[in-house]
Amino acid sequence: MLMCAAITARRVKNLRGDRMAKEEMLEFDGTVTEVLPDGNYRVTLDNNHLVLAYMSGKMRKFRIRTGVGDRVVVEISPYDLNRGRINFRHKTESARGPTPARRPNFHRR
């Protein structure tokens, strides 16, 4: 009976969240300076640091295009300050070009 109480106490301790917290990501604003192969980008942060960044999964999923000169938000891990993930692209009127022609949907008659 005493052993069951000890096991239950350990489980409650773990469920309460006494584990070590995950490190928070650092967010910086920057400008895309170079588009590299394999979906990588060279981003210059506002504090003049160069970071190698990749596009986040949601941005790839929804096909958000990023080009040279776009303002972006980059998340950087505190463990590696030279690599990051592009999380958001700021919308600017100058970056918007003409929309590409889309193929018409197939309609059966």
Foldseek 3Di string as FASTA:
>chain_A
DVVVVVVVVVVVVVVVPPDDDDDFWDKFKWFFADQDPPQWTWTQTPVRDTAIEHEDPVCVVVVPDDDGGWIFMWTHTPVDRRYTYTDDTDDDPVPDDDDDDDDDDDDDD
